[in-house]
Amino acid sequence: MTGNLYILFYNLLYAIYAVAVKKIYKSKPILYLGSLTYFGTALIYGLILYFQNALPNYELLTINHVLFPVLYMAIPGSILSFALYLYAQSKIEVSEANLFTYLNGIVAIPAAYLL
């Protein structure tokens, strides 16, 4: 039951967020906001790991088969995709844009089964 409440709470907060920041997204460059969001999240996550003494071994980032997937997920997989999502959201109504979030389950469930 608690998990369902978390999901409901997330959906309500996201709907409020989408309506509240639509004006901000129109006045600022989309790529700037997308990258700022991810760098801010990375900073907070890094601080949490630092204060819990759980920082990963930095030697992992010197290995090419670790570094390239991390860079891919950080730049085109996160920042650019979020910027494109914001761009698409600015071209249609918020209610229509939020409808596409329901597609996450349609893609994630088969992907989880295959993986």
PDB file of N, CA and C in Angstrom:
ATOM      1  N   MET A   1       0.819  -1.194   0.000  1.00  0.00           N
ATOM      2  CA  MET A   1       0.000   0.000   0.000  1.00  0.00           C
ATOM      3  C   MET A   1       0.866   1.264   0.000  1.00  0.00           C
ATOM      4  N   THR A   2       1.986   1.220   0.709  1.00  0.00           N
ATOM      5  CA  THR A   2       2.858   2.390   0.779  1.00  0.00           C
ATOM      6  C   THR A   2       3.430   2.723  -0.593  1.00  0.00           C
ATOM      7  N   GLY A   3       3.804   1.712  -1.353  1.00  0.00           N
ATOM      8  CA  GLY A   3       4.343   1.948  -2.689  1.00  0.00           C
ATOM      9  C   GLY A   3       3.329   2.629  -3.597  1.00  0.00           C
ATOM     10  N   ASN A   4       2.074   2.228  -3.495  1.00  0.00           N
ATOM     11  CA  ASN A   4       1.031   2.867  -4.298  1.00  0.00           C
ATOM     12  C   ASN A   4       0.856   4.327  -3.916  1.00  0.00           C
ATOM     13  N   LEU A   5       0.961   4.623  -2.635  1.00  0.00           N
ATOM     14  CA  LEU A   5       0.860   6.017  -2.190  1.00  0.00           C
ATOM     15  C   LEU A   5       2.033   6.839  -2.706  1.00  0.00           C
ATOM     16  N   TYR A   6       3.226   6.247  -2.729  1.00  0.00           N
ATOM     17  CA  TYR A   6       4.387   6.947  -3.283  1.00  0.00           C
ATOM     18  C   TYR A   6       4.171   7.280  -4.758  1.00  0.00           C
ATOM     19  N   ILE A   7       3.658   6.328  -5.506  1.00  0.00           N
ATOM     20  CA  ILE A   7       3.409   6.554  -6.928  1.00  0.00           C
ATOM     21  C   ILE A   7       2.341   7.627  -7.123  1.00  0.00           C
ATOM     22  N   LEU A   8       1.287   7.578  -6.333  1.00  0.00           N
ATOM     23  CA  LEU A   8       0.245   8.597  -6.412  1.00  0.00           C
ATOM     24  C   LEU A   8       0.805   9.972  -6.066  1.00  0.00           C
ATOM     25  N   PHE A   9       1.615  10.033  -5.011  1.00  0.00           N
ATOM     26  CA  PHE A   9       2.228  11.287  -4.584  1.00  0.00           C
ATOM     27  C   PHE A   9       3.151  11.832  -5.674  1.00  0.00           C
ATOM     28  N   TYR A  10       3.925  10.957  -6.301  1.00  0.00           N
ATOM     29  CA  TYR A  10       4.806  11.373  -7.396  1.00  0.00           C
ATOM     30  C   TYR A  10       4.002  11.949  -8.551  1.00  0.00           C
ATOM     31  N   ASN A  11       2.931  11.273  -8.940  1.00  0.00           N
ATOM     32  CA  ASN A  11       2.127  11.752 -10.064  1.00  0.00           C
ATOM     33  C   ASN A  11       1.491  13.106  -9.773  1.00  0.00           C
ATOM     34  N   LEU A  12       1.015  13.297  -8.547  1.00  0.00           N
ATOM     35  CA  LEU A  12       0.442  14.595  -8.178  1.00  0.00           C
ATOM     36  C   LEU A  12       1.496  15.692  -8.197  1.00  0.00           C
ATOM     37  N   LEU A  13       2.659  15.408  -7.618  1.00  0.00           N
ATOM     38  CA  LEU A  13       3.729  16.405  -7.604  1.00  0.00           C
ATOM     39  C   LEU A  13       4.221  16.724  -9.007  1.00  0.00           C
ATOM     40  N   TYR A  14       4.309  15.718  -9.854  1.00  0.00           N
ATOM     41  CA  TYR A  14       4.778  15.966 -11.215  1.00  0.00           C
ATOM     42  C   TYR A  14       3.779  16.811 -11.998  1.00  0.00           C
ATOM     43  N   ALA A  15       2.496  16.591 -11.790  1.00  0.00           N
ATOM     44  CA  ALA A  15       1.490  17.411 -12.468  1.00  0.00           C
ATOM     45  C   ALA A  15       1.588  18.866 -12.017  1.00  0.00           C
ATOM     46  N   ILE A  16       1.783  19.087 -10.728  1.00  0.00           N
ATOM     47  CA  ILE A  16       1.952  20.447 -10.205  1.00  0.00           C
ATOM     48  C   ILE A  16       3.220  21.070 -10.776  1.00  0.00           C
ATOM     49  N   TYR A  17       4.292  20.299 -10.804  1.00  0.00           N
ATOM     50  CA  TYR A  17       5.568  20.778 -11.348  1.00  0.00           C
ATOM     51  C   TYR A  17       5.429  21.168 -12.815  1.00  0.00           C
ATOM     52  N   ALA A  18       4.783  20.336 -13.609  1.00  0.00           N
ATOM     53  CA  ALA A  18       4.666  20.589 -15.046  1.00  0.00           C
ATOM     54  C   ALA A  18       3.899  21.878 -15.326  1.00  0.00           C
ATOM     55  N   VAL A  19       2.866  22.137 -14.556  1.00  0.00           N
ATOM     56  CA  VAL A  19       2.096  23.364 -14.748  1.00  0.00           C
ATOM     57  C   VAL A  19       2.876  24.575 -14.243  1.00  0.00           C
ATOM     58  N   ALA A  20       3.557  24.427 -13.118  1.00  0.00           N
ATOM     59  CA  ALA A  20       4.231  25.563 -12.483  1.00  0.00           C
ATOM     60  C   ALA A  20       5.433  26.066 -13.275  1.00  0.00           C
ATOM     61  N   VAL A  21       6.175  25.188 -13.892  1.00  0.00           N
ATOM     62  CA  VAL A  21       7.421  25.616 -14.533  1.00  0.00           C
ATOM     63  C   VAL A  21       7.299  25.843 -16.040  1.00  0.00           C
ATOM     64  N   LYS A  22       6.118  25.693 -16.577  1.00  0.00           N
ATOM     65  CA  LYS A  22       5.964  25.887 -18.020  1.00  0.00           C
ATOM     66  C   LYS A  22       6.353  27.308 -18.430  1.00  0.00           C
ATOM     67  N   LYS A  23       6.052  28.313 -17.603  1.00  0.00           N
ATOM     68  CA  LYS A  23       6.425  29.695 -17.910  1.00  0.00           C
ATOM     69  C   LYS A  23       7.940  29.876 -17.865  1.00  0.00           C
ATOM     70  N   ILE A  24       8.592  29.209 -16.927  1.00  0.00           N
ATOM     71  CA  ILE A  24      10.049  29.325 -16.808  1.00  0.00           C
ATOM     72  C   ILE A  24      10.726  28.731 -18.038  1.00  0.00           C
ATOM     73  N   TYR A  25      10.219  27.610 -18.512  1.00  0.00           N
ATOM     74  CA  TYR A  25      10.828  26.946 -19.663  1.00  0.00           C
ATOM     75  C   TYR A  25      10.719  27.781 -20.931  1.00  0.00           C
ATOM     76  N   LYS A  26       9.702  28.640 -21.014  1.00  0.00           N
ATOM     77  CA  LYS A  26       9.549  29.466 -22.208  1.00  0.00           C
ATOM     78  C   LYS A  26      10.579  30.588 -22.262  1.00  0.00           C
ATOM     79  N   SER A  27      11.061  31.039 -21.098  1.00  0.00           N
ATOM     80  CA  SER A  27      11.968  32.188 -21.075  1.00  0.00           C
ATOM     81  C   SER A  27      13.447  31.804 -21.020  1.00  0.00           C
ATOM     82  N   LYS A  28      13.763  30.569 -20.768  1.00  0.00           N
ATOM     83  CA  LYS A  28      15.158  30.126 -20.650  1.00  0.00           C
ATOM     84  C   LYS A  28      15.482  29.112 -21.746  1.00  0.00           C
ATOM     85  N   PRO A  29      16.763  29.005 -22.127  1.00  0.00           N
ATOM     86  CA  PRO A  29      17.157  27.970 -23.102  1.00  0.00           C
ATOM     87  C   PRO A  29      16.934  26.568 -22.528  1.00  0.00           C
ATOM     88  N   ILE A  30      16.359  25.706 -23.335  1.00  0.00           N
ATOM     89  CA  ILE A  30      15.980  24.373 -22.865  1.00  0.00           C
ATOM     90  C   ILE A  30      17.197  23.536 -22.497  1.00  0.00           C
ATOM     91  N   LEU A  31      18.238  23.581 -23.307  1.00  0.00           N
ATOM     92  CA  LEU A  31      19.428  22.784 -23.011  1.00  0.00           C
ATOM     93  C   LEU A  31      20.086  23.242 -21.715  1.00  0.00           C
ATOM     94  N   TYR A  32      20.037  24.530 -21.445  1.00  0.00           N
ATOM     95  CA  TYR A  32      20.583  25.072 -20.193  1.00  0.00           C
ATOM     96  C   TYR A  32      19.842  24.496 -18.991  1.00  0.00           C
ATOM     97  N   LEU A  33      18.511  24.490 -19.053  1.00  0.00           N
ATOM     98  CA  LEU A  33      17.731  23.973 -17.927  1.00  0.00           C
ATOM     99  C   LEU A  33      17.929  22.473 -17.749  1.00  0.00           C
ATOM    100  N   GLY A  34      17.996  21.750 -18.869  1.00  0.00           N
ATOM    101  CA  GLY A  34      18.202  20.310 -18.773  1.00  0.00           C
ATOM    102  C   GLY A  34      19.538  19.958 -18.159  1.00  0.00           C
ATOM    103  N   SER A  35      20.585  20.633 -18.601  1.00  0.00           N
ATOM    104  CA  SER A  35      21.908  20.331 -18.051  1.00  0.00           C
ATOM    105  C   SER A  35      22.029  20.808 -16.613  1.00  0.00           C
ATOM    106  N   LEU A  36      21.414  21.941 -16.291  1.00  0.00           N
ATOM    107  CA  LEU A  36      21.447  22.436 -14.915  1.00  0.00           C
ATOM    108  C   LEU A  36      20.750  21.467 -13.966  1.00  0.00           C
ATOM    109  N   THR A  37      19.649  20.899 -14.415  1.00  0.00           N
ATOM    110  CA  THR A  37      18.927  19.922 -13.596  1.00  0.00           C
ATOM    111  C   THR A  37      19.797  18.708 -13.302  1.00  0.00           C
ATOM    112  N   TYR A  38      20.467  18.189 -14.312  1.00  0.00           N
ATOM    113  CA  TYR A  38      21.268  16.988 -14.100  1.00  0.00           C
ATOM    114  C   TYR A  38      22.548  17.263 -13.323  1.00  0.00           C
ATOM    115  N   PHE A  39      23.161  18.415 -13.541  1.00  0.00           N
ATOM    116  CA  PHE A  39      24.351  18.737 -12.756  1.00  0.00           C
ATOM    117  C   PHE A  39      23.988  18.972 -11.291  1.00  0.00           C
ATOM    118  N   GLY A  40      22.845  19.602 -11.049  1.00  0.00           N
ATOM    119  CA  GLY A  40      22.382  19.797  -9.674  1.00  0.00           C
ATOM    120  C   GLY A  40      22.089  18.474  -8.991  1.00  0.00           C
ATOM    121  N   THR A  41      21.453  17.564  -9.716  1.00  0.00           N
ATOM    122  CA  THR A  41      21.174  16.243  -9.166  1.00  0.00           C
ATOM    123  C   THR A  41      22.462  15.488  -8.889  1.00  0.00           C
ATOM    124  N   ALA A  42      23.427  15.575  -9.793  1.00  0.00           N
ATOM    125  CA  ALA A  42      24.714  14.901  -9.590  1.00  0.00           C
ATOM    126  C   ALA A  42      25.436  15.464  -8.374  1.00  0.00           C
ATOM    127  N   LEU A  43      25.352  16.771  -8.178  1.00  0.00           N
ATOM    128  CA  LEU A  43      25.983  17.387  -7.012  1.00  0.00           C
ATOM    129  C   LEU A  43      25.348  16.895  -5.717  1.00  0.00           C
ATOM    130  N   ILE A  44      24.032  16.877  -5.669  1.00  0.00           N
ATOM    131  CA  ILE A  44      23.343  16.406  -4.464  1.00  0.00           C
ATOM    132  C   ILE A  44      23.658  14.938  -4.210  1.00  0.00           C
ATOM    133  N   TYR A  45      23.626  14.128  -5.264  1.00  0.00           N
ATOM    134  CA  TYR A  45      23.935  12.703  -5.122  1.00  0.00           C
ATOM    135  C   TYR A  45      25.371  12.501  -4.645  1.00  0.00           C
ATOM    136  N   GLY A  46      26.306  13.283  -5.197  1.00  0.00           N
ATOM    137  CA  GLY A  46      27.703  13.199  -4.762  1.00  0.00           C
ATOM    138  C   GLY A  46      27.870  13.579  -3.303  1.00  0.00           C
ATOM    139  N   LEU A  47      27.161  14.612  -2.858  1.00  0.00           N
ATOM    140  CA  LEU A  47      27.240  15.007  -1.445  1.00  0.00           C
ATOM    141  C   LEU A  47      26.682  13.927  -0.528  1.00  0.00           C
ATOM    142  N   ILE A  48      25.585  13.307  -0.944  1.00  0.00           N
ATOM    143  CA  ILE A  48      25.018  12.219  -0.138  1.00  0.00           C
ATOM    144  C   ILE A  48      26.015  11.075  -0.021  1.00  0.00           C
ATOM    145  N   LEU A  49      26.627  10.688  -1.138  1.00  0.00           N
ATOM    146  CA  LEU A  49      27.615   9.607  -1.101  1.00  0.00           C
ATOM    147  C   LEU A  49      28.831   9.988  -0.268  1.00  0.00           C
ATOM    148  N   TYR A  50      29.249  11.249  -0.354  1.00  0.00           N
ATOM    149  CA  TYR A  50      30.414  11.707   0.405  1.00  0.00           C
ATOM    150  C   TYR A  50      30.151  11.631   1.905  1.00  0.00           C
ATOM    151  N   PHE A  51      29.007  12.106   2.334  1.00  0.00           N
ATOM    152  CA  PHE A  51      28.718  12.124   3.767  1.00  0.00           C
ATOM    153  C   PHE A  51      28.402  10.741   4.322  1.00  0.00           C
ATOM    154  N   GLN A  52      28.078   9.797   3.470  1.00  0.00           N
ATOM    155  CA  GLN A  52      27.871   8.419   3.914  1.00  0.00           C
ATOM    156  C   GLN A  52      29.116   7.565   3.702  1.00  0.00           C
ATOM    157  N   ASN A  53      30.213   8.187   3.296  1.00  0.00           N
ATOM    158  CA  ASN A  53      31.471   7.485   3.011  1.00  0.00           C
ATOM    159  C   ASN A  53      31.259   6.330   2.038  1.00  0.00           C
ATOM    160  N   ALA A  54      30.495   6.592   0.981  1.00  0.00           N
ATOM    161  CA  ALA A  54      30.180   5.550   0.006  1.00  0.00           C
ATOM    162  C   ALA A  54      30.585   5.953  -1.406  1.00  0.00           C
ATOM    163  N   LEU A  55      31.575   6.834  -1.529  1.00  0.00           N
ATOM    164  CA  LEU A  55      32.020   7.245  -2.858  1.00  0.00           C
ATOM    165  C   LEU A  55      32.624   6.062  -3.608  1.00  0.00           C
ATOM    166  N   PRO A  56      32.330   5.941  -4.911  1.00  0.00           N
ATOM    167  CA  PRO A  56      32.893   4.826  -5.675  1.00  0.00           C
ATOM    168  C   PRO A  56      34.376   5.037  -5.944  1.00  0.00           C
ATOM    169  N   ASN A  57      35.018   3.982  -6.372  1.00  0.00           N
ATOM    170  CA  ASN A  57      36.426   4.028  -6.723  1.00  0.00           C
ATOM    171  C   ASN A  57      36.581   4.776  -8.052  1.00  0.00           C
ATOM    172  N   TYR A  58      37.341   5.865  -8.047  1.00  0.00           N
ATOM    173  CA  TYR A  58      37.482   6.681  -9.255  1.00  0.00           C
ATOM    174  C   TYR A  58      38.325   6.009 -10.330  1.00  0.00           C
ATOM    175  N   GLU A  59      39.036   4.957 -10.001  1.00  0.00           N
ATOM    176  CA  GLU A  59      39.808   4.227 -11.010  1.00  0.00           C
ATOM    177  C   GLU A  59      38.896   3.550 -12.029  1.00  0.00           C
ATOM    178  N   LEU A  60      37.629   3.360 -11.679  1.00  0.00           N
ATOM    179  CA  LEU A  60      36.685   2.770 -12.627  1.00  0.00           C
ATOM    180  C   LEU A  60      36.505   3.644 -13.861  1.00  0.00           C
ATOM    181  N   LEU A  61      36.611   4.958 -13.695  1.00  0.00           N
ATOM    182  CA  LEU A  61      36.398   5.864 -14.820  1.00  0.00           C
ATOM    183  C   LEU A  61      37.579   5.928 -15.772  1.00  0.00           C
ATOM    184  N   THR A  62      38.677   5.281 -15.438  1.00  0.00           N
ATOM    185  CA  THR A  62      39.813   5.229 -16.358  1.00  0.00           C
ATOM    186  C   THR A  62      39.723   4.030 -17.296  1.00  0.00           C
ATOM    187  N   ILE A  63      38.779   3.156 -17.063  1.00  0.00           N
ATOM    188  CA  ILE A  63      38.582   1.976 -17.906  1.00  0.00           C
ATOM    189  C   ILE A  63      37.585   2.347 -19.008  1.00  0.00           C
ATOM    190  N   ASN A  64      37.973   2.147 -20.268  1.00  0.00           N
ATOM    191  CA  ASN A  64      37.144   2.591 -21.393  1.00  0.00           C
ATOM    192  C   ASN A  64      35.772   1.934 -21.429  1.00  0.00           C
ATOM    193  N   HIS A  65      35.680   0.643 -21.103  1.00  0.00           N
ATOM    194  CA  HIS A  65      34.376  -0.001 -21.188  1.00  0.00           C
ATOM    195  C   HIS A  65      33.462   0.400 -20.036  1.00  0.00           C
ATOM    196  N   VAL A  66      33.944   1.193 -19.107  1.00  0.00           N
ATOM    197  CA  VAL A  66      33.102   1.786 -18.069  1.00  0.00           C
ATOM    198  C   VAL A  66      32.845   3.257 -18.384  1.00  0.00           C
ATOM    199  N   LEU A  67      33.867   3.961 -18.843  1.00  0.00           N
ATOM    200  CA  LEU A  67      33.767   5.403 -19.075  1.00  0.00           C
ATOM    201  C   LEU A  67      32.784   5.747 -20.192  1.00  0.00           C
ATOM    202  N   PHE A  68      32.847   5.059 -21.316  1.00  0.00           N
ATOM    203  CA  PHE A  68      31.988   5.406 -22.447  1.00  0.00           C
ATOM    204  C   PHE A  68      30.499   5.195 -22.154  1.00  0.00           C
ATOM    205  N   PRO A  69      30.088   4.090 -21.538  1.00  0.00           N
ATOM    206  CA  PRO A  69      28.659   3.984 -21.187  1.00  0.00           C
ATOM    207  C   PRO A  69      28.208   5.042 -20.178  1.00  0.00           C
ATOM    208  N   VAL A  70      29.076   5.399 -19.239  1.00  0.00           N
ATOM    209  CA  VAL A  70      28.718   6.439 -18.270  1.00  0.00           C
ATOM    210  C   VAL A  70      28.529   7.775 -18.979  1.00  0.00           C
ATOM    211  N   LEU A  71      29.436   8.118 -19.886  1.00  0.00           N
ATOM    212  CA  LEU A  71      29.302   9.370 -20.633  1.00  0.00           C
ATOM    213  C   LEU A  71      28.073   9.354 -21.534  1.00  0.00           C
ATOM    214  N   TYR A  72      27.789   8.202 -22.136  1.00  0.00           N
ATOM    215  CA  TYR A  72      26.605   8.102 -22.989  1.00  0.00           C
ATOM    216  C   TYR A  72      25.334   8.312 -22.174  1.00  0.00           C
ATOM    217  N   MET A  73      25.246   7.661 -21.032  1.00  0.00           N
ATOM    218  CA  MET A  73      24.045   7.807 -20.212  1.00  0.00           C
ATOM    219  C   MET A  73      23.925   9.207 -19.631  1.00  0.00           C
ATOM    220  N   ALA A  74      25.046   9.869 -19.388  1.00  0.00           N
ATOM    221  CA  ALA A  74      25.000  11.205 -18.800  1.00  0.00           C
ATOM    222  C   ALA A  74      24.625  12.265 -19.821  1.00  0.00           C
ATOM    223  N   ILE A  75      25.164  12.180 -21.032  1.00  0.00           N
ATOM    224  CA  ILE A  75      24.965  13.284 -21.982  1.00  0.00           C
ATOM    225  C   ILE A  75      23.765  13.030 -22.902  1.00  0.00           C
ATOM    226  N   PRO A  76      23.842  12.121 -23.888  1.00  0.00           N
ATOM    227  CA  PRO A  76      22.651  11.978 -24.729  1.00  0.00           C
ATOM    228  C   PRO A  76      21.516  11.225 -24.045  1.00  0.00           C
ATOM    229  N   GLY A  77      21.852  10.327 -23.138  1.00  0.00           N
ATOM    230  CA  GLY A  77      20.812   9.542 -22.490  1.00  0.00           C
ATOM    231  C   GLY A  77      20.049  10.293 -21.425  1.00  0.00           C
ATOM    232  N   SER A  78      20.565  11.400 -20.944  1.00  0.00           N
ATOM    233  CA  SER A  78      19.891  12.142 -19.886  1.00  0.00           C
ATOM    234  C   SER A  78      19.663  13.590 -20.269  1.00  0.00           C
ATOM    235  N   ILE A  79      20.729  14.340 -20.448  1.00  0.00           N
ATOM    236  CA  ILE A  79      20.609  15.785 -20.654  1.00  0.00           C
ATOM    237  C   ILE A  79      19.894  16.091 -21.967  1.00  0.00           C
ATOM    238  N   LEU A  80      20.329  15.484 -23.059  1.00  0.00           N
ATOM    239  CA  LEU A  80      19.697  15.771 -24.347  1.00  0.00           C
ATOM    240  C   LEU A  80      18.268  15.244 -24.414  1.00  0.00           C
ATOM    241  N   SER A  81      18.031  14.071 -23.848  1.00  0.00           N
ATOM    242  CA  SER A  81      16.668  13.541 -23.887  1.00  0.00           C
ATOM    243  C   SER A  81      15.727  14.399 -23.050  1.00  0.00           C
ATOM    244  N   PHE A  82      16.195  14.910 -21.914  1.00  0.00           N
ATOM    245  CA  PHE A  82      15.364  15.793 -21.098  1.00  0.00           C
ATOM    246  C   PHE A  82      15.110  17.112 -21.826  1.00  0.00           C
ATOM    247  N   ALA A  83      16.119  17.640 -22.509  1.00  0.00           N
ATOM    248  CA  ALA A  83      15.939  18.879 -23.272  1.00  0.00           C
ATOM    249  C   ALA A  83      14.938  18.671 -24.409  1.00  0.00           C
ATOM    250  N   LEU A  84      15.014  17.538 -25.086  1.00  0.00           N
ATOM    251  CA  LEU A  84      14.049  17.247 -26.148  1.00  0.00           C
ATOM    252  C   LEU A  84      12.646  17.067 -25.589  1.00  0.00           C
ATOM    253  N   TYR A  85      12.542  16.459 -24.419  1.00  0.00           N
ATOM    254  CA  TYR A  85      11.240  16.309 -23.767  1.00  0.00           C
ATOM    255  C   TYR A  85      10.652  17.677 -23.430  1.00  0.00           C
ATOM    256  N   LEU A  86      11.483  18.584 -22.900  1.00  0.00           N
ATOM    257  CA  LEU A  86      11.002  19.929 -22.578  1.00  0.00           C
ATOM    258  C   LEU A  86      10.610  20.691 -23.838  1.00  0.00           C
ATOM    259  N   TYR A  87      11.377  20.511 -24.906  1.00  0.00           N
ATOM    260  CA  TYR A  87      11.044  21.159 -26.175  1.00  0.00           C
ATOM    261  C   TYR A  87       9.694  20.662 -26.692  1.00  0.00           C
ATOM    262  N   ALA A  88       9.493  19.362 -26.655  1.00  0.00           N
ATOM    263  CA  ALA A  88       8.222  18.798 -27.107  1.00  0.00           C
ATOM    264  C   ALA A  88       7.079  19.265 -26.217  1.00  0.00           C
ATOM    265  N   GLN A  89       7.338  19.357 -24.930  1.00  0.00           N
ATOM    266  CA  GLN A  89       6.305  19.792 -23.997  1.00  0.00           C
ATOM    267  C   GLN A  89       5.927  21.251 -24.242  1.00  0.00           C
ATOM    268  N   SER A  90       6.868  22.058 -24.708  1.00  0.00           N
ATOM    269  CA  SER A  90       6.558  23.462 -24.979  1.00  0.00           C
ATOM    270  C   SER A  90       5.708  23.627 -26.235  1.00  0.00           C
ATOM    271  N   LYS A  91       5.690  22.626 -27.083  1.00  0.00           N
ATOM    272  CA  LYS A  91       4.934  22.715 -28.331  1.00  0.00           C
ATOM    273  C   LYS A  91       3.506  22.193 -28.207  1.00  0.00           C
ATOM    274  N   ILE A  92       3.206  21.449 -27.152  1.00  0.00           N
ATOM    275  CA  ILE A  92       1.853  20.929 -26.955  1.00  0.00           C
ATOM    276  C   ILE A  92       1.396  21.279 -25.543  1.00  0.00           C
ATOM    277  N   GLU A  93       0.137  21.002 -25.252  1.00  0.00           N
ATOM    278  CA  GLU A  93      -0.399  21.290 -23.925  1.00  0.00           C
ATOM    279  C   GLU A  93       0.213  20.344 -22.893  1.00  0.00           C
ATOM    280  N   VAL A  94       0.213  20.801 -21.644  1.00  0.00           N
ATOM    281  CA  VAL A  94       0.789  20.003 -20.560  1.00  0.00           C
ATOM    282  C   VAL A  94       0.047  18.684 -20.407  1.00  0.00           C
ATOM    283  N   SER A  95      -1.273  18.705 -20.524  1.00  0.00           N
ATOM    284  CA  SER A  95      -2.043  17.471 -20.350  1.00  0.00           C
ATOM    285  C   SER A  95      -1.692  16.445 -21.421  1.00  0.00           C
ATOM    286  N   GLU A  96      -1.448  16.902 -22.641  1.00  0.00           N
ATOM    287  CA  GLU A  96      -1.054  15.977 -23.704  1.00  0.00           C
ATOM    288  C   GLU A  96       0.355  15.448 -23.482  1.00  0.00           C
ATOM    289  N   ALA A  97       1.253  16.303 -23.019  1.00  0.00           N
ATOM    290  CA  ALA A  97       2.636  15.875 -22.768  1.00  0.00           C
ATOM    291  C   ALA A  97       2.692  14.859 -21.637  1.00  0.00           C
ATOM    292  N   ASN A  98       1.891  15.058 -20.603  1.00  0.00           N
ATOM    293  CA  ASN A  98       1.898  14.122 -19.480  1.00  0.00           C
ATOM    294  C   ASN A  98       1.269  12.789 -19.843  1.00  0.00           C
ATOM    295  N   LEU A  99       0.447  12.771 -20.881  1.00  0.00           N
ATOM    296  CA  LEU A  99      -0.100  11.502 -21.352  1.00  0.00           C
ATOM    297  C   LEU A  99       0.999  10.554 -21.796  1.00  0.00           C
ATOM    298  N   PHE A 100       2.079  11.116 -22.346  1.00  0.00           N
ATOM    299  CA  PHE A 100       3.171  10.280 -22.828  1.00  0.00           C
ATOM    300  C   PHE A 100       3.936   9.607 -21.692  1.00  0.00           C
ATOM    301  N   THR A 101       3.809  10.099 -20.469  1.00  0.00           N
ATOM    302  CA  THR A 101       4.493   9.441 -19.353  1.00  0.00           C
ATOM    303  C   THR A 101       3.906   8.063 -19.081  1.00  0.00           C
ATOM    304  N   TYR A 102       2.674   7.829 -19.512  1.00  0.00           N
ATOM    305  CA  TYR A 102       2.088   6.504 -19.339  1.00  0.00           C
ATOM    306  C   TYR A 102       2.737   5.476 -20.255  1.00  0.00           C
ATOM    307  N   LEU A 103       3.450   5.931 -21.266  1.00  0.00           N
ATOM    308  CA  LEU A 103       4.152   5.006 -22.157  1.00  0.00           C
ATOM    309  C   LEU A 103       5.359   4.367 -21.480  1.00  0.00           C
ATOM    310  N   ASN A 104       5.821   4.944 -20.375  1.00  0.00           N
ATOM    311  CA  ASN A 104       6.969   4.373 -19.666  1.00  0.00           C
ATOM    312  C   ASN A 104       6.720   2.921 -19.283  1.00  0.00           C
ATOM    313  N   GLY A 105       5.550   2.640 -18.766  1.00  0.00           N
ATOM    314  CA  GLY A 105       5.231   1.272 -18.375  1.00  0.00           C
ATOM    315  C   GLY A 105       5.152   0.329 -19.555  1.00  0.00           C
ATOM    316  N   ILE A 106       4.651   0.817 -20.667  1.00  0.00           N
ATOM    317  CA  ILE A 106       4.526  -0.016 -21.862  1.00  0.00           C
ATOM    318  C   ILE A 106       5.903  -0.421 -22.376  1.00  0.00           C
ATOM    319  N   VAL A 107       6.873   0.449 -22.229  1.00  0.00           N
ATOM    320  CA  VAL A 107       8.234   0.141 -22.669  1.00  0.00           C
ATOM    321  C   VAL A 107       9.007  -0.589 -21.577  1.00  0.00           C
ATOM    322  N   ALA A 108       8.841  -0.172 -20.320  1.00  0.00           N
ATOM    323  CA  ALA A 108       9.658  -0.707 -19.232  1.00  0.00           C
ATOM    324  C   ALA A 108       9.311  -2.148 -18.879  1.00  0.00           C
ATOM    325  N   ILE A 109       8.053  -2.507 -18.922  1.00  0.00           N
ATOM    326  CA  ILE A 109       7.665  -3.867 -18.525  1.00  0.00           C
ATOM    327  C   ILE A 109       8.235  -4.914 -19.490  1.00  0.00           C
ATOM    328  N   PRO A 110       8.076  -4.772 -20.816  1.00  0.00           N
ATOM    329  CA  PRO A 110       8.722  -5.756 -21.704  1.00  0.00           C
ATOM    330  C   PRO A 110      10.248  -5.729 -21.619  1.00  0.00           C
ATOM    331  N   ALA A 111      10.824  -4.536 -21.446  1.00  0.00           N
ATOM    332  CA  ALA A 111      12.285  -4.456 -21.327  1.00  0.00           C
ATOM    333  C   ALA A 111      12.762  -5.161 -20.068  1.00  0.00           C
ATOM    334  N   ALA A 112      12.040  -5.000 -18.969  1.00  0.00           N
ATOM    335  CA  ALA A 112      12.414  -5.676 -17.722  1.00  0.00           C
ATOM    336  C   ALA A 112      12.290  -7.189 -17.873  1.00  0.00           C
ATOM    337  N   TYR A 113      11.290  -7.643 -18.596  1.00  0.00           N
ATOM    338  CA  TYR A 113      11.125  -9.076 -18.804  1.00  0.00           C
ATOM    339  C   TYR A 113      12.274  -9.638 -19.642  1.00  0.00           C
ATOM    340  N   LEU A 114      12.668  -8.891 -20.677  1.00  0.00           N
ATOM    341  CA  LEU A 114      13.745  -9.361 -21.552  1.00  0.00           C
ATOM    342  C   LEU A 114      15.104  -9.322 -20.867  1.00  0.00           C
ATOM    343  N   LEU A 115      15.309  -8.349 -19.998  1.00  0.00           N
ATOM    344  CA  LEU A 115      16.601  -8.242 -19.324  1.00  0.00           C
ATOM    345  C   LEU A 115      16.670  -9.217 -18.177  1.00  0.00           C
TER     346      LEU A 115
END
